[in-house]
Amino acid sequence: MELPFTNLPLVKSIYSSLKSFADYFSPHERDAQQVVLLKKPGSDMSIIGLVTRQNLTDLPLDAQTRQHVAVYLPMGYMIGGYTVFVPREWVQVLDMSVEEAMRSSLTAWMGNTRNPTDPV
């Protein structure tokens, strides 16, 4: 079924990106998902993000950056986001599901962050 989407150059790029993003949320990947609070030392600003990669050694980065983690910073209304490579010390794992974090990001954290059906 994927064959038509993987043979056209432009469609292949878009389809592959969307598939990878959707696979991140699939149940078999749940153990790798982490919601984190990202805070640069010496700064009062914090931002919520999702760790997307713990290991960057296979990427074409300098040796220092390969020691970092990849954190996805979603934008409001899911228009997109940014991936940043930051030192591990800058991230604090939060006790929050990825779904809860994405739902809250969608509304710019204006509403209740807990879904009434979520366990407490």
C-alpha atoms as a PDB file:
ATOM      1  CA  MET A   1       0.000   0.000   0.000  1.00  0.00           C
ATOM      2  CA  GLU A   2       2.955   2.347   0.614  1.00  0.00           C
ATOM      3  CA  LEU A   3       4.482   1.715  -2.806  1.00  0.00           C
ATOM      4  CA  PRO A   4       2.827   4.662  -4.630  1.00  0.00           C
ATOM      5  CA  PHE A   5       3.960   7.033  -1.879  1.00  0.00           C
ATOM      6  CA  THR A   6       7.573   5.866  -1.879  1.00  0.00           C
ATOM      7  CA  ASN A   7       8.198   6.107  -5.623  1.00  0.00           C
ATOM      8  CA  LEU A   8       7.470   9.783  -6.295  1.00  0.00           C
ATOM      9  CA  PRO A   9      10.362  12.052  -5.203  1.00  0.00           C
ATOM     10  CA  LEU A  10       8.479  14.920  -3.523  1.00  0.00           C
ATOM     11  CA  VAL A  11       5.674  12.722  -2.193  1.00  0.00           C
ATOM     12  CA  LYS A  12       8.267  10.263  -0.854  1.00  0.00           C
ATOM     13  CA  SER A  13       9.963  12.963   1.238  1.00  0.00           C
ATOM     14  CA  ILE A  14       6.712  14.235   2.723  1.00  0.00           C
ATOM     15  CA  TYR A  15       5.271  10.755   3.252  1.00  0.00           C
ATOM     16  CA  SER A  16       8.446   9.435   4.889  1.00  0.00           C
ATOM     17  CA  SER A  17       8.601  12.407   7.262  1.00  0.00           C
ATOM     18  CA  LEU A  18       4.954  12.076   8.282  1.00  0.00           C
ATOM     19  CA  LYS A  19       5.317   8.299   8.686  1.00  0.00           C
ATOM     20  CA  SER A  20       8.369   8.709  10.942  1.00  0.00           C
ATOM     21  CA  PHE A  21       6.518  11.276  13.040  1.00  0.00           C
ATOM     22  CA  ALA A  22       3.471   9.005  13.343  1.00  0.00           C
ATOM     23  CA  ASP A  23       5.683   6.016  14.199  1.00  0.00           C
ATOM     24  CA  TYR A  24       7.111   8.031  17.096  1.00  0.00           C
ATOM     25  CA  PHE A  25       3.663   7.970  18.708  1.00  0.00           C
ATOM     26  CA  SER A  26       2.979   4.288  18.061  1.00  0.00           C
ATOM     27  CA  PRO A  27       2.690   1.989  21.101  1.00  0.00           C
ATOM     28  CA  HIS A  28       5.934   0.083  20.402  1.00  0.00           C
ATOM     29  CA  GLU A  29       7.908   3.332  20.705  1.00  0.00           C
ATOM     30  CA  ARG A  30       6.281   4.444  23.963  1.00  0.00           C
ATOM     31  CA  ASP A  31       9.309   3.549  26.110  1.00  0.00           C
ATOM     32  CA  ALA A  32      11.512   5.936  24.137  1.00  0.00           C
ATOM     33  CA  GLN A  33       9.138   8.878  24.492  1.00  0.00           C
ATOM     34  CA  GLN A  34       9.989  11.518  27.059  1.00  0.00           C
ATOM     35  CA  VAL A  35       8.465  14.893  27.740  1.00  0.00           C
ATOM     36  CA  VAL A  36      11.109  17.236  29.079  1.00  0.00           C
ATOM     37  CA  LEU A  37      11.515  20.724  30.439  1.00  0.00           C
ATOM     38  CA  LEU A  38      14.366  22.358  28.549  1.00  0.00           C
ATOM     39  CA  LYS A  39      16.260  25.057  30.400  1.00  0.00           C
ATOM     40  CA  LYS A  40      19.588  26.601  29.493  1.00  0.00           C
ATOM     41  CA  PRO A  41      21.725  27.237  32.599  1.00  0.00           C
ATOM     42  CA  GLY A  42      21.738  30.914  33.552  1.00  0.00           C
ATOM     43  CA  SER A  43      18.405  31.540  31.833  1.00  0.00           C
ATOM     44  CA  ASP A  44      15.017  32.004  33.471  1.00  0.00           C
ATOM     45  CA  MET A  45      13.161  30.753  30.392  1.00  0.00           C
ATOM     46  CA  SER A  46      11.974  27.146  30.117  1.00  0.00           C
ATOM     47  CA  ILE A  47      10.292  25.323  27.266  1.00  0.00           C
ATOM     48  CA  ILE A  48       8.544  21.963  26.976  1.00  0.00           C
ATOM     49  CA  GLY A  49       9.861  19.522  24.408  1.00  0.00           C
ATOM     50  CA  LEU A  50       9.966  15.862  23.408  1.00  0.00           C
ATOM     51  CA  VAL A  51      13.188  13.869  23.365  1.00  0.00           C
ATOM     52  CA  THR A  52      13.346  12.325  19.913  1.00  0.00           C
ATOM     53  CA  ARG A  53      16.856  10.848  20.048  1.00  0.00           C
ATOM     54  CA  GLN A  54      19.112   9.940  22.939  1.00  0.00           C
ATOM     55  CA  ASN A  55      22.013   8.922  20.697  1.00  0.00           C
ATOM     56  CA  LEU A  56      23.365  11.184  17.956  1.00  0.00           C
ATOM     57  CA  THR A  57      26.586   9.290  17.176  1.00  0.00           C
ATOM     58  CA  ASP A  58      25.424   8.273  13.691  1.00  0.00           C
ATOM     59  CA  LEU A  59      24.735  11.883  12.624  1.00  0.00           C
ATOM     60  CA  PRO A  60      27.299  14.048  10.781  1.00  0.00           C
ATOM     61  CA  LEU A  61      27.890  16.343  13.771  1.00  0.00           C
ATOM     62  CA  ASP A  62      31.001  17.448  15.605  1.00  0.00           C
ATOM     63  CA  ALA A  63      32.178  15.289  18.523  1.00  0.00           C
ATOM     64  CA  GLN A  64      30.786  17.603  21.204  1.00  0.00           C
ATOM     65  CA  THR A  65      27.301  17.816  19.644  1.00  0.00           C
ATOM     66  CA  ARG A  66      27.158  14.009  19.298  1.00  0.00           C
ATOM     67  CA  GLN A  67      27.059  13.861  23.111  1.00  0.00           C
ATOM     68  CA  HIS A  68      23.808  15.879  23.157  1.00  0.00           C
ATOM     69  CA  VAL A  69      20.192  14.748  22.894  1.00  0.00           C
ATOM     70  CA  ALA A  70      17.672  15.761  20.230  1.00  0.00           C
ATOM     71  CA  VAL A  71      14.630  17.599  21.582  1.00  0.00           C
ATOM     72  CA  TYR A  72      11.631  18.481  19.411  1.00  0.00           C
ATOM     73  CA  LEU A  73       9.954  21.767  20.344  1.00  0.00           C
ATOM     74  CA  PRO A  74       6.392  21.759  18.963  1.00  0.00           C
ATOM     75  CA  MET A  75       4.772  25.014  17.902  1.00  0.00           C
ATOM     76  CA  GLY A  76       1.178  25.930  18.735  1.00  0.00           C
ATOM     77  CA  TYR A  77      -1.555  24.534  16.502  1.00  0.00           C
ATOM     78  CA  MET A  78       0.889  21.844  15.311  1.00  0.00           C
ATOM     79  CA  ILE A  79       2.073  24.009  12.444  1.00  0.00           C
ATOM     80  CA  GLY A  80       5.528  22.598  12.940  1.00  0.00           C
ATOM     81  CA  GLY A  81       8.328  22.810  15.392  1.00  0.00           C
ATOM     82  CA  TYR A  82      12.068  22.846  15.849  1.00  0.00           C
ATOM     83  CA  THR A  83      14.541  20.131  16.715  1.00  0.00           C
ATOM     84  CA  VAL A  84      17.429  21.298  18.860  1.00  0.00           C
ATOM     85  CA  PHE A  85      20.512  19.400  19.996  1.00  0.00           C
ATOM     86  CA  VAL A  86      21.200  20.257  23.626  1.00  0.00           C
ATOM     87  CA  PRO A  87      23.411  18.954  26.439  1.00  0.00           C
ATOM     88  CA  ARG A  88      21.702  16.283  28.535  1.00  0.00           C
ATOM     89  CA  GLU A  89      22.091  18.484  31.615  1.00  0.00           C
ATOM     90  CA  TRP A  90      19.665  21.005  30.094  1.00  0.00           C
ATOM     91  CA  VAL A  91      16.713  18.597  30.139  1.00  0.00           C
ATOM     92  CA  GLN A  92      14.553  17.518  33.051  1.00  0.00           C
ATOM     93  CA  VAL A  93      12.187  14.605  32.403  1.00  0.00           C
ATOM     94  CA  LEU A  94       8.580  15.454  33.292  1.00  0.00           C
ATOM     95  CA  ASP A  95       5.898  13.070  34.507  1.00  0.00           C
ATOM     96  CA  MET A  96       3.625  13.801  31.558  1.00  0.00           C
ATOM     97  CA  SER A  97       2.503  11.763  28.577  1.00  0.00           C
ATOM     98  CA  VAL A  98       3.477  12.799  25.067  1.00  0.00           C
ATOM     99  CA  GLU A  99      -0.220  13.052  24.191  1.00  0.00           C
ATOM    100  CA  GLU A 100      -0.823  15.426  27.103  1.00  0.00           C
ATOM    101  CA  ALA A 101       2.147  17.591  26.140  1.00  0.00           C
ATOM    102  CA  MET A 102       1.100  17.738  22.480  1.00  0.00           C
ATOM    103  CA  ARG A 103      -2.510  18.538  23.415  1.00  0.00           C
ATOM    104  CA  SER A 104      -1.325  21.347  25.678  1.00  0.00           C
ATOM    105  CA  SER A 105       1.059  22.700  23.040  1.00  0.00           C
ATOM    106  CA  LEU A 106      -1.791  22.726  20.536  1.00  0.00           C
ATOM    107  CA  THR A 107      -3.677  25.195  22.726  1.00  0.00           C
ATOM    108  CA  ALA A 108      -0.603  27.131  23.887  1.00  0.00           C
ATOM    109  CA  TRP A 109      -1.096  25.732  27.415  1.00  0.00           C
ATOM    110  CA  MET A 110      -4.246  27.838  27.897  1.00  0.00           C
ATOM    111  CA  GLY A 111      -6.550  25.064  29.078  1.00  0.00           C
ATOM    112  CA  ASN A 112      -6.651  22.168  31.447  1.00  0.00           C
ATOM    113  CA  THR A 113      -3.686  19.898  30.670  1.00  0.00           C
ATOM    114  CA  ARG A 114      -5.326  16.725  31.972  1.00  0.00           C
ATOM    115  CA  ASN A 115      -7.819  14.826  29.875  1.00  0.00           C
ATOM    116  CA  PRO A 116     -10.751  13.775  32.093  1.00  0.00           C
ATOM    117  CA  THR A 117     -10.276  10.188  30.909  1.00  0.00           C
ATOM    118  CA  ASP A 118      -6.561  10.094  31.830  1.00  0.00           C
ATOM    119  CA  PRO A 119      -5.680   8.189  35.013  1.00  0.00           C
ATOM    120  CA  VAL A 120      -4.545  10.453  37.856  1.00  0.00           C
END
